[in-house]
Structure formats: C-alpha cells, structure tokens
Amino acid sequence: MQITDNHRRYWSKTLNITAVLLSIWFVVTFVVSYFARDLSFNFFGWPFSFWMGAQGSLIIYVAIIWFYANYMNKLDIEHGVAEVEE
C-alpha cells in the first residue's frame, strides 16, 4: 500500500491532537496534584485541590474523551476513512 499525502495529513493531525490531549491529561493528573497545597483557593465552596481530586479531574477526563471522539469522527469523514454503517 502506497502512503499518500492524504494519509500523511491524517496521521499528522491524529498525532497532534493526541499529543495535545495527553498534555492536558498530564497536567490535570500530575501537575495539579503536585501543586495541590499551593492551590488553596475556594472553588464552588470547596478547596480547589480537593474539588479537582474529587470531581474536577473526572469531568475533564470525560471532556477529553468526548472531544477526541468527535474530532476523530470529523477527521475520518474529512479524509475518507470513516467506517460505513450497513
């Protein structure tokens, strides 16, 4: 199979969005917990570090999954590699 420019653009966009979303995941998971004691302001009535550990990070993870699924569906259609439903 010959790799075309369309395949290269598709793969490049896929790698870029994956890198961006993994960076967001890394910041939410490790950076926020590392600086948890320094993040001592109230957010929705709770300390920010507690809120991020209890609910905020989970909300962000779900948002990352939702965004990735939608983005990849649009990218698949744009590059003609979408799965055809029968």
N, C-alpha and C. Protein backbone atom coordinates (compact mmCIF):
# COMPACT_ATOMS: atom_id res chain seq x y z
N MET A 1 0.84 -1.18 0.00
CA MET A 1 0.00 0.00 0.00
C MET A 1 0.88 1.24 0.00
N GLN A 2 0.61 2.13 -0.89
CA GLN A 2 1.36 3.37 -1.02
C GLN A 2 0.78 4.43 -0.08
N ILE A 3 1.65 5.10 0.65
CA ILE A 3 1.19 6.15 1.56
C ILE A 3 1.07 7.46 0.77
N THR A 4 -0.13 8.02 0.78
CA THR A 4 -0.39 9.26 0.04
C THR A 4 -0.27 10.47 0.96
N ASP A 5 -0.35 11.64 0.36
CA ASP A 5 -0.33 12.87 1.15
C ASP A 5 -1.55 12.95 2.08
N ASN A 6 -2.66 12.39 1.62
CA ASN A 6 -3.87 12.36 2.45
C ASN A 6 -3.62 11.56 3.72
N HIS A 7 -2.96 10.41 3.60
CA HIS A 7 -2.63 9.59 4.77
C HIS A 7 -1.68 10.33 5.70
N ARG A 8 -0.70 11.01 5.14
CA ARG A 8 0.26 11.75 5.97
C ARG A 8 -0.42 12.88 6.75
N ARG A 9 -1.31 13.62 6.07
CA ARG A 9 -2.04 14.69 6.75
C ARG A 9 -2.93 14.13 7.85
N TYR A 10 -3.61 13.02 7.56
CA TYR A 10 -4.47 12.37 8.56
C TYR A 10 -3.65 11.94 9.76
N TRP A 11 -2.54 11.28 9.52
CA TRP A 11 -1.70 10.80 10.62
C TRP A 11 -1.10 11.96 11.39
N SER A 12 -0.70 13.01 10.72
CA SER A 12 -0.14 14.19 11.38
C SER A 12 -1.17 14.84 12.30
N LYS A 13 -2.39 15.02 11.81
CA LYS A 13 -3.45 15.61 12.63
C LYS A 13 -3.79 14.71 13.81
N THR A 14 -3.79 13.40 13.59
CA THR A 14 -4.08 12.46 14.67
C THR A 14 -3.02 12.54 15.75
N LEU A 15 -1.75 12.56 15.36
CA LEU A 15 -0.67 12.67 16.34
C LEU A 15 -0.71 13.99 17.09
N ASN A 16 -1.02 15.08 16.39
CA ASN A 16 -1.08 16.39 17.05
C ASN A 16 -2.18 16.45 18.10
N ILE A 17 -3.38 16.00 17.75
CA ILE A 17 -4.48 16.07 18.72
C ILE A 17 -4.22 15.13 19.89
N THR A 18 -3.60 13.98 19.62
CA THR A 18 -3.27 13.05 20.70
C THR A 18 -2.25 13.67 21.64
N ALA A 19 -1.24 14.34 21.10
CA ALA A 19 -0.23 14.98 21.94
C ALA A 19 -0.83 16.10 22.79
N VAL A 20 -1.71 16.89 22.22
CA VAL A 20 -2.34 17.98 22.96
C VAL A 20 -3.21 17.42 24.09
N LEU A 21 -4.02 16.42 23.78
CA LEU A 21 -4.91 15.86 24.80
C LEU A 21 -4.13 15.11 25.88
N LEU A 22 -3.05 14.45 25.52
CA LEU A 22 -2.21 13.80 26.53
C LEU A 22 -1.53 14.82 27.42
N SER A 23 -1.17 15.96 26.85
CA SER A 23 -0.58 17.02 27.66
C SER A 23 -1.59 17.56 28.67
N ILE A 24 -2.82 17.76 28.23
CA ILE A 24 -3.87 18.21 29.15
C ILE A 24 -4.09 17.17 30.24
N TRP A 25 -4.15 15.89 29.85
CA TRP A 25 -4.31 14.82 30.83
C TRP A 25 -3.17 14.82 31.85
N PHE A 26 -1.94 14.99 31.37
CA PHE A 26 -0.78 15.00 32.26
C PHE A 26 -0.87 16.15 33.26
N VAL A 27 -1.23 17.33 32.79
CA VAL A 27 -1.34 18.49 33.68
C VAL A 27 -2.42 18.27 34.73
N VAL A 28 -3.58 17.78 34.29
CA VAL A 28 -4.68 17.56 35.23
C VAL A 28 -4.33 16.47 36.24
N THR A 29 -3.66 15.43 35.80
CA THR A 29 -3.38 14.30 36.68
C THR A 29 -2.20 14.55 37.61
N PHE A 30 -1.09 15.04 37.07
CA PHE A 30 0.13 15.10 37.86
C PHE A 30 0.49 16.51 38.35
N VAL A 31 0.36 17.50 37.51
CA VAL A 31 0.78 18.86 37.89
C VAL A 31 -0.16 19.43 38.95
N VAL A 32 -1.46 19.28 38.76
CA VAL A 32 -2.40 19.82 39.75
C VAL A 32 -2.22 19.12 41.10
N SER A 33 -2.04 17.81 41.10
CA SER A 33 -1.85 17.11 42.38
C SER A 33 -0.51 17.45 43.02
N TYR A 34 0.52 17.73 42.20
CA TYR A 34 1.82 18.11 42.75
C TYR A 34 1.74 19.46 43.46
N PHE A 35 0.98 20.40 42.89
CA PHE A 35 0.85 21.73 43.47
C PHE A 35 -0.43 21.88 44.29
N ALA A 36 -0.99 20.79 44.77
CA ALA A 36 -2.28 20.82 45.46
C ALA A 36 -2.27 21.73 46.68
N ARG A 37 -1.21 21.71 47.45
CA ARG A 37 -1.18 22.55 48.66
C ARG A 37 -1.09 24.04 48.32
N ASP A 38 -0.48 24.36 47.19
CA ASP A 38 -0.38 25.77 46.78
C ASP A 38 -1.69 26.29 46.20
N LEU A 39 -2.56 25.40 45.76
CA LEU A 39 -3.84 25.80 45.17
C LEU A 39 -4.90 25.85 46.26
N SER A 40 -4.78 26.84 47.13
CA SER A 40 -5.62 26.87 48.33
C SER A 40 -6.76 27.89 48.25
N PHE A 41 -7.34 28.09 47.08
CA PHE A 41 -8.49 28.99 46.97
C PHE A 41 -9.77 28.15 46.87
N ASN A 42 -10.89 28.77 47.21
CA ASN A 42 -12.17 28.07 47.17
C ASN A 42 -12.73 28.05 45.76
N PHE A 43 -13.31 26.91 45.39
CA PHE A 43 -13.91 26.72 44.08
C PHE A 43 -15.21 25.98 44.29
N PHE A 44 -16.35 26.62 44.01
CA PHE A 44 -17.67 26.07 44.28
C PHE A 44 -17.83 25.68 45.75
N GLY A 45 -17.24 26.46 46.63
CA GLY A 45 -17.39 26.23 48.06
C GLY A 45 -16.43 25.22 48.65
N TRP A 46 -15.55 24.67 47.86
CA TRP A 46 -14.58 23.68 48.33
C TRP A 46 -13.17 24.15 48.00
N PRO A 47 -12.17 23.69 48.73
CA PRO A 47 -10.79 23.99 48.33
C PRO A 47 -10.54 23.42 46.93
N PHE A 48 -9.87 24.19 46.08
CA PHE A 48 -9.68 23.79 44.69
C PHE A 48 -8.99 22.43 44.56
N SER A 49 -7.98 22.19 45.37
CA SER A 49 -7.26 20.92 45.27
C SER A 49 -8.18 19.74 45.59
N PHE A 50 -9.05 19.88 46.58
CA PHE A 50 -9.99 18.81 46.90
C PHE A 50 -11.00 18.62 45.78
N TRP A 51 -11.52 19.74 45.25
CA TRP A 51 -12.51 19.66 44.18
C TRP A 51 -11.92 18.98 42.95
N MET A 52 -10.68 19.32 42.58
CA MET A 52 -10.04 18.69 41.43
C MET A 52 -9.86 17.20 41.65
N GLY A 53 -9.46 16.81 42.85
CA GLY A 53 -9.28 15.39 43.14
C GLY A 53 -10.58 14.61 43.16
N ALA A 54 -11.64 15.25 43.65
CA ALA A 54 -12.91 14.56 43.81
C ALA A 54 -13.77 14.57 42.55
N GLN A 55 -13.83 15.71 41.85
CA GLN A 55 -14.75 15.81 40.71
C GLN A 55 -14.14 16.44 39.48
N GLY A 56 -13.34 17.45 39.65
CA GLY A 56 -12.84 18.23 38.52
C GLY A 56 -12.06 17.42 37.51
N SER A 57 -11.17 16.59 38.00
CA SER A 57 -10.35 15.81 37.07
C SER A 57 -11.21 14.82 36.29
N LEU A 58 -12.20 14.23 36.95
CA LEU A 58 -13.07 13.28 36.25
C LEU A 58 -13.88 13.97 35.16
N ILE A 59 -14.35 15.18 35.44
CA ILE A 59 -15.09 15.94 34.44
C ILE A 59 -14.19 16.26 33.25
N ILE A 60 -12.97 16.63 33.52
CA ILE A 60 -12.02 16.94 32.44
C ILE A 60 -11.70 15.69 31.64
N TYR A 61 -11.55 14.53 32.29
CA TYR A 61 -11.27 13.28 31.56
C TYR A 61 -12.42 12.94 30.61
N VAL A 62 -13.65 13.09 31.07
CA VAL A 62 -14.80 12.82 30.22
C VAL A 62 -14.85 13.81 29.06
N ALA A 63 -14.52 15.07 29.32
CA ALA A 63 -14.49 16.08 28.25
C ALA A 63 -13.40 15.75 27.22
N ILE A 64 -12.27 15.26 27.67
CA ILE A 64 -11.20 14.86 26.74
C ILE A 64 -11.67 13.72 25.85
N ILE A 65 -12.31 12.72 26.44
CA ILE A 65 -12.81 11.58 25.66
C ILE A 65 -13.86 12.03 24.66
N TRP A 66 -14.80 12.88 25.09
CA TRP A 66 -15.85 13.38 24.20
C TRP A 66 -15.24 14.16 23.04
N PHE A 67 -14.30 15.07 23.34
CA PHE A 67 -13.69 15.88 22.30
C PHE A 67 -12.92 15.01 21.31
N TYR A 68 -12.16 14.03 21.81
CA TYR A 68 -11.38 13.15 20.94
C TYR A 68 -12.29 12.36 20.01
N ALA A 69 -13.37 11.81 20.53
CA ALA A 69 -14.29 11.03 19.70
C ALA A 69 -14.91 11.88 18.61
N ASN A 70 -15.38 13.07 18.97
CA ASN A 70 -15.97 13.96 17.96
C ASN A 70 -14.95 14.42 16.93
N TYR A 71 -13.77 14.80 17.39
CA TYR A 71 -12.74 15.27 16.48
C TYR A 71 -12.33 14.17 15.50
N MET A 72 -12.13 12.96 16.02
CA MET A 72 -11.70 11.87 15.15
C MET A 72 -12.80 11.46 14.17
N ASN A 73 -14.07 11.52 14.57
CA ASN A 73 -15.16 11.24 13.63
C ASN A 73 -15.15 12.23 12.48
N LYS A 74 -15.00 13.51 12.80
CA LYS A 74 -14.94 14.53 11.75
C LYS A 74 -13.71 14.36 10.88
N LEU A 75 -12.58 14.03 11.49
CA LEU A 75 -11.34 13.83 10.73
C LEU A 75 -11.46 12.61 9.82
N ASP A 76 -12.08 11.54 10.30
CA ASP A 76 -12.29 10.35 9.48
C ASP A 76 -13.13 10.67 8.25
N ILE A 77 -14.20 11.43 8.45
CA ILE A 77 -15.07 11.81 7.34
C ILE A 77 -14.31 12.70 6.36
N GLU A 78 -13.56 13.66 6.88
CA GLU A 78 -12.81 14.60 6.05
C GLU A 78 -11.79 13.88 5.16
N HIS A 79 -11.18 12.83 5.68
CA HIS A 79 -10.13 12.13 4.93
C HIS A 79 -10.62 10.84 4.28
N GLY A 80 -11.90 10.58 4.35
CA GLY A 80 -12.48 9.45 3.66
C GLY A 80 -12.15 8.09 4.25
N VAL A 81 -11.93 8.04 5.55
CA VAL A 81 -11.64 6.75 6.20
C VAL A 81 -12.70 6.39 7.24
N ALA A 82 -13.84 7.04 7.19
CA ALA A 82 -14.91 6.76 8.16
C ALA A 82 -15.47 5.37 7.90
N GLU A 83 -15.87 4.72 8.98
CA GLU A 83 -16.49 3.40 8.86
C GLU A 83 -17.89 3.57 8.29
N VAL A 84 -18.22 2.71 7.36
CA VAL A 84 -19.53 2.77 6.72
C VAL A 84 -20.46 1.82 7.46
N GLU A 85 -21.61 2.36 7.90
CA GLU A 85 -22.60 1.53 8.58
C GLU A 85 -23.47 0.85 7.53
N GLU A 86 -23.74 -0.43 7.78
CA GLU A 86 -24.55 -1.17 6.82
C GLU A 86 -25.95 -1.38 7.34
